[in-house]
C-alpha atoms as a PDB file:
ATOM      1  CA  UNK A   1     -41.589 -54.864  42.830  1.00  0.00           C
ATOM      2  CA  UNK A   2     -43.666 -57.290  44.903  1.00  0.00           C
ATOM      3  CA  UNK A   3     -46.512 -54.773  45.035  1.00  0.00           C
ATOM      4  CA  UNK A   4     -46.476 -54.483  41.231  1.00  0.00           C
ATOM      5  CA  UNK A   5     -46.600 -58.278  40.985  1.00  0.00           C
ATOM      6  CA  UNK A   6     -49.492 -58.313  43.452  1.00  0.00           C
ATOM      7  CA  UNK A   7     -51.465 -55.721  41.467  1.00  0.00           C
ATOM      8  CA  UNK A   8     -50.919 -57.625  38.206  1.00  0.00           C
ATOM      9  CA  UNK A   9     -51.996 -60.821  39.966  1.00  0.00           C
ATOM     10  CA  UNK A  10     -55.170 -59.090  41.146  1.00  0.00           C
ATOM     11  CA  UNK A  11     -55.899 -57.958  37.596  1.00  0.00           C
ATOM     12  CA  UNK A  12     -55.356 -61.525  36.394  1.00  0.00           C
ATOM     13  CA  UNK A  13     -57.899 -62.624  38.994  1.00  0.00           C
ATOM     14  CA  UNK A  14     -60.463 -60.479  37.189  1.00  0.00           C
ATOM     15  CA  UNK A  15     -59.426 -62.053  33.877  1.00  0.00           C
ATOM     16  CA  UNK A  16     -59.898 -65.605  35.118  1.00  0.00           C
ATOM     17  CA  UNK A  17     -63.179 -64.787  36.862  1.00  0.00           C
ATOM     18  CA  UNK A  18     -64.572 -63.237  33.691  1.00  0.00           C
ATOM     19  CA  UNK A  19     -63.237 -66.072  31.525  1.00  0.00           C
ATOM     20  CA  UNK A  20     -64.713 -68.656  33.896  1.00  0.00           C
ATOM     21  CA  UNK A  21     -68.186 -67.223  33.370  1.00  0.00           C
ATOM     22  CA  UNK A  22     -67.706 -67.553  29.630  1.00  0.00           C
ATOM     23  CA  UNK A  23     -66.500 -71.184  29.595  1.00  0.00           C
ATOM     24  CA  UNK A  24     -70.085 -72.493  29.866  1.00  0.00           C
ATOM     25  CA  UNK A  25     -68.959 -75.297  32.186  1.00  0.00           C
ATOM     26  CA  UNK A  26     -65.570 -75.632  30.458  1.00  0.00           C
ATOM     27  CA  UNK A  27     -67.248 -76.584  27.170  1.00  0.00           C
ATOM     28  CA  UNK A  28     -65.823 -73.614  25.227  1.00  0.00           C
ATOM     29  CA  UNK A  29     -62.091 -74.025  24.680  1.00  0.00           C
ATOM     30  CA  UNK A  30     -60.931 -70.417  24.184  1.00  0.00           C
ATOM     31  CA  UNK A  31     -62.283 -69.011  27.449  1.00  0.00           C
ATOM     32  CA  UNK A  32     -61.179 -72.224  29.175  1.00  0.00           C
ATOM     33  CA  UNK A  33     -57.588 -71.664  28.018  1.00  0.00           C
ATOM     34  CA  UNK A  34     -57.734 -67.992  29.055  1.00  0.00           C
ATOM     35  CA  UNK A  35     -59.093 -69.084  32.440  1.00  0.00           C
ATOM     36  CA  UNK A  36     -56.288 -71.633  32.925  1.00  0.00           C
ATOM     37  CA  UNK A  37     -53.473 -69.285  31.949  1.00  0.00           C
ATOM     38  CA  UNK A  38     -54.873 -66.387  33.982  1.00  0.00           C
ATOM     39  CA  UNK A  39     -55.463 -68.422  37.133  1.00  0.00           C
ATOM     40  CA  UNK A  40     -51.951 -69.891  36.987  1.00  0.00           C
ATOM     41  CA  UNK A  41     -50.422 -66.446  36.523  1.00  0.00           C
ATOM     42  CA  UNK A  42     -52.598 -64.960  39.234  1.00  0.00           C
ATOM     43  CA  UNK A  43     -51.764 -67.629  41.807  1.00  0.00           C
ATOM     44  CA  UNK A  44     -48.062 -67.608  40.957  1.00  0.00           C
ATOM     45  CA  UNK A  45     -47.919 -63.835  41.300  1.00  0.00           C
ATOM     46  CA  UNK A  46     -49.784 -63.962  44.606  1.00  0.00           C
ATOM     47  CA  UNK A  47     -47.363 -66.586  45.897  1.00  0.00           C
ATOM     48  CA  UNK A  48     -44.333 -64.504  44.872  1.00  0.00           C
ATOM     49  CA  UNK A  49     -45.773 -61.352  46.437  1.00  0.00           C
ATOM     50  CA  UNK A  50     -46.444 -63.234  49.680  1.00  0.00           C
ATOM     51  CA  UNK A  51     -42.729 -63.837  50.081  1.00  0.00           C
ATOM     52  CA  UNK A  52     -42.365 -60.241  51.311  1.00  0.00           C
ATOM     53  CA  UNK A  53     -45.906 -58.923  51.853  1.00  0.00           C
ATOM     54  CA  UNK A  54     -47.778 -60.319  54.881  1.00  0.00           C
ATOM     55  CA  UNK A  55     -50.292 -62.993  53.921  1.00  0.00           C
ATOM     56  CA  UNK A  56     -53.402 -61.209  55.206  1.00  0.00           C
ATOM     57  CA  UNK A  57     -52.486 -57.961  53.485  1.00  0.00           C
ATOM     58  CA  UNK A  58     -51.486 -59.621  50.210  1.00  0.00           C
ATOM     59  CA  UNK A  59     -54.633 -61.723  50.057  1.00  0.00           C
ATOM     60  CA  UNK A  60     -56.950 -58.826  50.911  1.00  0.00           C
ATOM     61  CA  UNK A  61     -55.333 -56.585  48.284  1.00  0.00           C
ATOM     62  CA  UNK A  62     -55.401 -59.379  45.669  1.00  0.00           C
ATOM     63  CA  UNK A  63     -59.089 -60.117  46.282  1.00  0.00           C
ATOM     64  CA  UNK A  64     -59.983 -56.418  46.407  1.00  0.00           C
ATOM     65  CA  UNK A  65     -58.293 -55.641  43.101  1.00  0.00           C
ATOM     66  CA  UNK A  66     -59.875 -58.681  41.493  1.00  0.00           C
ATOM     67  CA  UNK A  67     -63.343 -57.913  42.833  1.00  0.00           C
ATOM     68  CA  UNK A  68     -63.304 -54.242  41.852  1.00  0.00           C
ATOM     69  CA  UNK A  69     -61.908 -54.959  38.393  1.00  0.00           C
ATOM     70  CA  UNK A  70     -64.357 -57.808  37.748  1.00  0.00           C
ATOM     71  CA  UNK A  71     -67.354 -55.770  38.884  1.00  0.00           C
ATOM     72  CA  UNK A  72     -66.144 -52.681  37.025  1.00  0.00           C
ATOM     73  CA  UNK A  73     -65.664 -54.645  33.810  1.00  0.00           C
ATOM     74  CA  UNK A  74     -69.143 -56.155  34.152  1.00  0.00           C
ATOM     75  CA  UNK A  75     -70.618 -52.667  34.482  1.00  0.00           C
ATOM     76  CA  UNK A  76     -68.590 -51.223  31.576  1.00  0.00           C
ATOM     77  CA  UNK A  77     -69.643 -54.081  29.290  1.00  0.00           C
ATOM     78  CA  UNK A  78     -73.229 -53.772  30.579  1.00  0.00           C
ATOM     79  CA  UNK A  79     -73.296 -57.369  31.787  1.00  0.00           C
ATOM     80  CA  UNK A  80     -74.357 -55.884  35.134  1.00  0.00           C
ATOM     81  CA  UNK A  81     -76.150 -52.671  36.017  1.00  0.00           C
ATOM     82  CA  UNK A  82     -74.093 -49.725  37.206  1.00  0.00           C
ATOM     83  CA  UNK A  83     -75.799 -47.926  40.056  1.00  0.00           C
ATOM     84  CA  UNK A  84     -74.580 -45.044  42.168  1.00  0.00           C
ATOM     85  CA  UNK A  85     -74.586 -47.261  45.251  1.00  0.00           C
ATOM     86  CA  UNK A  86     -72.544 -49.939  43.528  1.00  0.00           C
ATOM     87  CA  UNK A  87     -69.975 -47.457  42.218  1.00  0.00           C
ATOM     88  CA  UNK A  88     -69.649 -45.808  45.641  1.00  0.00           C
ATOM     89  CA  UNK A  89     -69.169 -49.172  47.367  1.00  0.00           C
ATOM     90  CA  UNK A  90     -66.513 -50.185  44.839  1.00  0.00           C
ATOM     91  CA  UNK A  91     -64.771 -46.844  45.399  1.00  0.00           C
ATOM     92  CA  UNK A  92     -64.776 -47.524  49.146  1.00  0.00           C
ATOM     93  CA  UNK A  93     -63.230 -50.932  48.449  1.00  0.00           C
ATOM     94  CA  UNK A  94     -60.501 -49.269  46.385  1.00  0.00           C
ATOM     95  CA  UNK A  95     -59.885 -46.909  49.290  1.00  0.00           C
ATOM     96  CA  UNK A  96     -59.504 -49.887  51.620  1.00  0.00           C
ATOM     97  CA  UNK A  97     -56.987 -51.550  49.296  1.00  0.00           C
ATOM     98  CA  UNK A  98     -54.976 -48.332  49.065  1.00  0.00           C
ATOM     99  CA  UNK A  99     -55.155 -48.052  52.841  1.00  0.00           C
ATOM    100  CA  UNK A 100     -53.706 -51.526  53.259  1.00  0.00           C
ATOM    101  CA  UNK A 101     -50.778 -50.536  51.054  1.00  0.00           C
ATOM    102  CA  UNK A 102     -50.221 -47.360  53.060  1.00  0.00           C
ATOM    103  CA  UNK A 103     -50.114 -49.139  56.423  1.00  0.00           C
ATOM    104  CA  UNK A 104     -48.184 -52.209  55.242  1.00  0.00           C
END
């Protein structure tokens, strides 16, 4: 169950990162609220997962999931360019996250 919590927390990291870029310096209230709720949920989930998953592994997986999801979302929504190199590097990152789960 802790791994599920960690994955959800990583996805929430992508939510708060995306919302943060849309707050325009915390001047827009809706994305600011989404940012606040998502970051609280993300940090709480990470803390719970770290009760049983080693800190280094949990943090690396959390960041990896958040980074891949944030970058993937930016490419899907065309906020950032999708290139073959970028997609391959993100796929390698996913492989590393899966590898950390396998060896943990």
